[in-house]
Amino acid sequence: MRMSSDKPSGAKAVFGDFAPQLVRLTDDVLFGQVWPDEGLSRRDRSLVTVAALVALYRGNELPFHLKTAMDNGLSVEELKHAITHLAFYAGWPNAMTAMTQLKKIVEEGS
């Protein structure tokens, strides 16, 4: 999830020097320590993250994490099933929005 050293991280690209503490925490703690932790596989961590983002209706972060989930081994079919399951626990509108975003990602990748 970390960018190569010659390219700024996503947080750095968005916030630059405007919010250096948030950039540092995002890069060093979230993506430098939390995501690499071996307590969960990256695949499982992605599934948990997508579920939380769908449940909390966090549409800004969801496309990035849907793509990351696929990069971490989740199939489009598995993501469809997870989002459908979440419709009953996180709300229908949340699931519909997430499925719309997943569909868009799949169509853009085709």
C-alpha atoms as a PDB file:
ATOM      1  CA  MET A   1       0.000   0.000   0.000  1.00  0.00           C
ATOM      2  CA  ARG A   2       2.978   2.276   0.331  1.00  0.00           C
ATOM      3  CA  MET A   3       4.080   4.238  -2.675  1.00  0.00           C
ATOM      4  CA  SER A   4       7.579   3.971  -4.048  1.00  0.00           C
ATOM      5  CA  SER A   5      10.075   6.369  -2.519  1.00  0.00           C
ATOM      6  CA  ASP A   6      10.363   8.433  -5.726  1.00  0.00           C
ATOM      7  CA  LYS A   7       6.612   9.157  -5.757  1.00  0.00           C
ATOM      8  CA  PRO A   8       4.767  10.928  -2.922  1.00  0.00           C
ATOM      9  CA  SER A   9       2.255   8.923  -0.930  1.00  0.00           C
ATOM     10  CA  GLY A  10      -1.445   9.478  -1.501  1.00  0.00           C
ATOM     11  CA  ALA A  11      -1.675  11.510   1.699  1.00  0.00           C
ATOM     12  CA  LYS A  12       1.327  13.612   0.741  1.00  0.00           C
ATOM     13  CA  ALA A  13      -0.097  14.189  -2.749  1.00  0.00           C
ATOM     14  CA  VAL A  14      -3.420  15.374  -1.303  1.00  0.00           C
ATOM     15  CA  PHE A  15      -2.237  17.364   1.710  1.00  0.00           C
ATOM     16  CA  GLY A  16       1.391  18.199   0.931  1.00  0.00           C
ATOM     17  CA  ASP A  17       2.697  20.464   3.661  1.00  0.00           C
ATOM     18  CA  PHE A  18      -0.817  21.615   4.627  1.00  0.00           C
ATOM     19  CA  ALA A  19      -1.301  18.786   7.172  1.00  0.00           C
ATOM     20  CA  PRO A  20       2.118  17.211   7.769  1.00  0.00           C
ATOM     21  CA  GLN A  21       1.095  15.427  10.984  1.00  0.00           C
ATOM     22  CA  LEU A  22      -1.835  13.722   9.246  1.00  0.00           C
ATOM     23  CA  VAL A  23       0.453  12.750   6.352  1.00  0.00           C
ATOM     24  CA  ARG A  24       3.048  11.339   8.774  1.00  0.00           C
ATOM     25  CA  LEU A  25       0.463   9.350  10.737  1.00  0.00           C
ATOM     26  CA  THR A  26      -1.131   8.029   7.552  1.00  0.00           C
ATOM     27  CA  ASP A  27       2.167   7.002   5.986  1.00  0.00           C
ATOM     28  CA  ASP A  28       4.119   5.861   9.050  1.00  0.00           C
ATOM     29  CA  VAL A  29       1.454   4.445  11.345  1.00  0.00           C
ATOM     30  CA  LEU A  30      -1.537   3.392   9.228  1.00  0.00           C
ATOM     31  CA  PHE A  31       0.299   2.145   6.144  1.00  0.00           C
ATOM     32  CA  GLY A  32       3.695   1.637   7.789  1.00  0.00           C
ATOM     33  CA  GLN A  33       2.619  -0.303  10.889  1.00  0.00           C
ATOM     34  CA  VAL A  34      -1.084  -1.214  10.935  1.00  0.00           C
ATOM     35  CA  TRP A  35      -1.467  -2.594   7.402  1.00  0.00           C
ATOM     36  CA  PRO A  36       1.770  -4.646   7.432  1.00  0.00           C
ATOM     37  CA  ASP A  37       0.987  -6.205  10.827  1.00  0.00           C
ATOM     38  CA  GLU A  38       0.886  -9.974  10.416  1.00  0.00           C
ATOM     39  CA  GLY A  39      -2.047 -10.481  12.805  1.00  0.00           C
ATOM     40  CA  LEU A  40      -4.368 -10.406   9.774  1.00  0.00           C
ATOM     41  CA  SER A  41      -3.607 -11.174   6.168  1.00  0.00           C
ATOM     42  CA  ARG A  42      -3.777  -8.218   3.795  1.00  0.00           C
ATOM     43  CA  ARG A  43      -6.781  -9.910   2.159  1.00  0.00           C
ATOM     44  CA  ASP A  44      -8.661 -10.167   5.459  1.00  0.00           C
ATOM     45  CA  ARG A  45      -7.629  -6.652   6.440  1.00  0.00           C
ATOM     46  CA  SER A  46      -9.049  -5.388   3.132  1.00  0.00           C
ATOM     47  CA  LEU A  47     -12.341  -7.214   3.674  1.00  0.00           C
ATOM     48  CA  VAL A  48     -12.682  -5.733   7.172  1.00  0.00           C
ATOM     49  CA  THR A  49     -11.817  -2.264   5.866  1.00  0.00           C
ATOM     50  CA  VAL A  50     -14.316  -2.445   2.996  1.00  0.00           C
ATOM     51  CA  ALA A  51     -17.018  -3.656   5.400  1.00  0.00           C
ATOM     52  CA  ALA A  52     -16.350  -0.780   7.798  1.00  0.00           C
ATOM     53  CA  LEU A  53     -16.350   1.787   5.007  1.00  0.00           C
ATOM     54  CA  VAL A  54     -19.614   0.436   3.574  1.00  0.00           C
ATOM     55  CA  ALA A  55     -21.251   0.305   7.013  1.00  0.00           C
ATOM     56  CA  LEU A  56     -20.168   3.830   7.877  1.00  0.00           C
ATOM     57  CA  TYR A  57     -21.062   5.188   4.422  1.00  0.00           C
ATOM     58  CA  ARG A  58     -17.535   6.422   3.742  1.00  0.00           C
ATOM     59  CA  GLY A  59     -17.772   6.847  -0.016  1.00  0.00           C
ATOM     60  CA  ASN A  60     -14.667   8.989  -0.391  1.00  0.00           C
ATOM     61  CA  GLU A  61     -12.336   6.224   0.794  1.00  0.00           C
ATOM     62  CA  LEU A  62     -14.273   3.254  -0.575  1.00  0.00           C
ATOM     63  CA  PRO A  63     -13.052   3.234  -4.214  1.00  0.00           C
ATOM     64  CA  PHE A  64      -9.400   3.183  -3.122  1.00  0.00           C
ATOM     65  CA  HIS A  65     -10.055   0.320  -0.718  1.00  0.00           C
ATOM     66  CA  LEU A  66     -12.170  -1.668  -3.187  1.00  0.00           C
ATOM     67  CA  LYS A  67      -9.258  -1.550  -5.646  1.00  0.00           C
ATOM     68  CA  THR A  68      -6.832  -2.410  -2.860  1.00  0.00           C
ATOM     69  CA  ALA A  69      -9.047  -5.332  -1.821  1.00  0.00           C
ATOM     70  CA  MET A  70      -8.826  -6.739  -5.340  1.00  0.00           C
ATOM     71  CA  ASP A  71      -5.056  -6.203  -5.342  1.00  0.00           C
ATOM     72  CA  ASN A  72      -4.962  -8.084  -2.023  1.00  0.00           C
ATOM     73  CA  GLY A  73      -6.729 -11.134  -3.451  1.00  0.00           C
ATOM     74  CA  LEU A  74     -10.460 -10.522  -3.086  1.00  0.00           C
ATOM     75  CA  SER A  75     -12.391 -11.246  -6.256  1.00  0.00           C
ATOM     76  CA  VAL A  76     -15.106  -9.007  -7.651  1.00  0.00           C
ATOM     77  CA  GLU A  77     -17.581 -11.804  -6.898  1.00  0.00           C
ATOM     78  CA  GLU A  78     -16.476 -11.969  -3.258  1.00  0.00           C
ATOM     79  CA  LEU A  79     -16.833  -8.203  -2.942  1.00  0.00           C
ATOM     80  CA  LYS A  80     -20.322  -8.366  -4.484  1.00  0.00           C
ATOM     81  CA  HIS A  81     -21.308 -11.032  -1.948  1.00  0.00           C
ATOM     82  CA  ALA A  82     -19.844  -9.047   0.943  1.00  0.00           C
ATOM     83  CA  ILE A  83     -21.653  -5.863  -0.098  1.00  0.00           C
ATOM     84  CA  THR A  84     -24.928  -7.752  -0.570  1.00  0.00           C
ATOM     85  CA  HIS A  85     -24.534  -9.284   2.897  1.00  0.00           C
ATOM     86  CA  LEU A  86     -23.831  -5.845   4.336  1.00  0.00           C
ATOM     87  CA  ALA A  87     -27.101  -4.514   2.911  1.00  0.00           C
ATOM     88  CA  PHE A  88     -28.912  -6.325   5.733  1.00  0.00           C
ATOM     89  CA  TYR A  89     -26.591  -5.119   8.491  1.00  0.00           C
ATOM     90  CA  ALA A  90     -25.349  -1.715   7.301  1.00  0.00           C
ATOM     91  CA  GLY A  91     -28.366  -0.503   5.371  1.00  0.00           C
ATOM     92  CA  TRP A  92     -29.641  -0.792   1.842  1.00  0.00           C
ATOM     93  CA  PRO A  93     -28.524   2.675   0.682  1.00  0.00           C
ATOM     94  CA  ASN A  94     -24.980   2.013   1.919  1.00  0.00           C
ATOM     95  CA  ALA A  95     -24.840  -1.254   0.002  1.00  0.00           C
ATOM     96  CA  MET A  96     -26.349   0.241  -3.137  1.00  0.00           C
ATOM     97  CA  THR A  97     -23.773   3.039  -3.110  1.00  0.00           C
ATOM     98  CA  ALA A  98     -20.920   0.583  -2.541  1.00  0.00           C
ATOM     99  CA  MET A  99     -22.144  -1.722  -5.317  1.00  0.00           C
ATOM    100  CA  THR A 100     -22.395   1.257  -7.671  1.00  0.00           C
ATOM    101  CA  GLN A 101     -18.800   2.154  -6.902  1.00  0.00           C
ATOM    102  CA  LEU A 102     -17.615  -1.430  -7.380  1.00  0.00           C
ATOM    103  CA  LYS A 103     -19.462  -1.655 -10.706  1.00  0.00           C
ATOM    104  CA  LYS A 104     -17.823   1.562 -11.881  1.00  0.00           C
ATOM    105  CA  ILE A 105     -14.372   0.268 -10.925  1.00  0.00           C
ATOM    106  CA  VAL A 106     -14.976  -3.001 -12.790  1.00  0.00           C
ATOM    107  CA  GLU A 107     -16.273  -1.189 -15.879  1.00  0.00           C
ATOM    108  CA  GLU A 108     -13.303   1.193 -15.892  1.00  0.00           C
ATOM    109  CA  GLY A 109     -10.940  -1.756 -15.657  1.00  0.00           C
ATOM    110  CA  SER A 110     -12.497  -3.555 -18.630  1.00  0.00           C
END
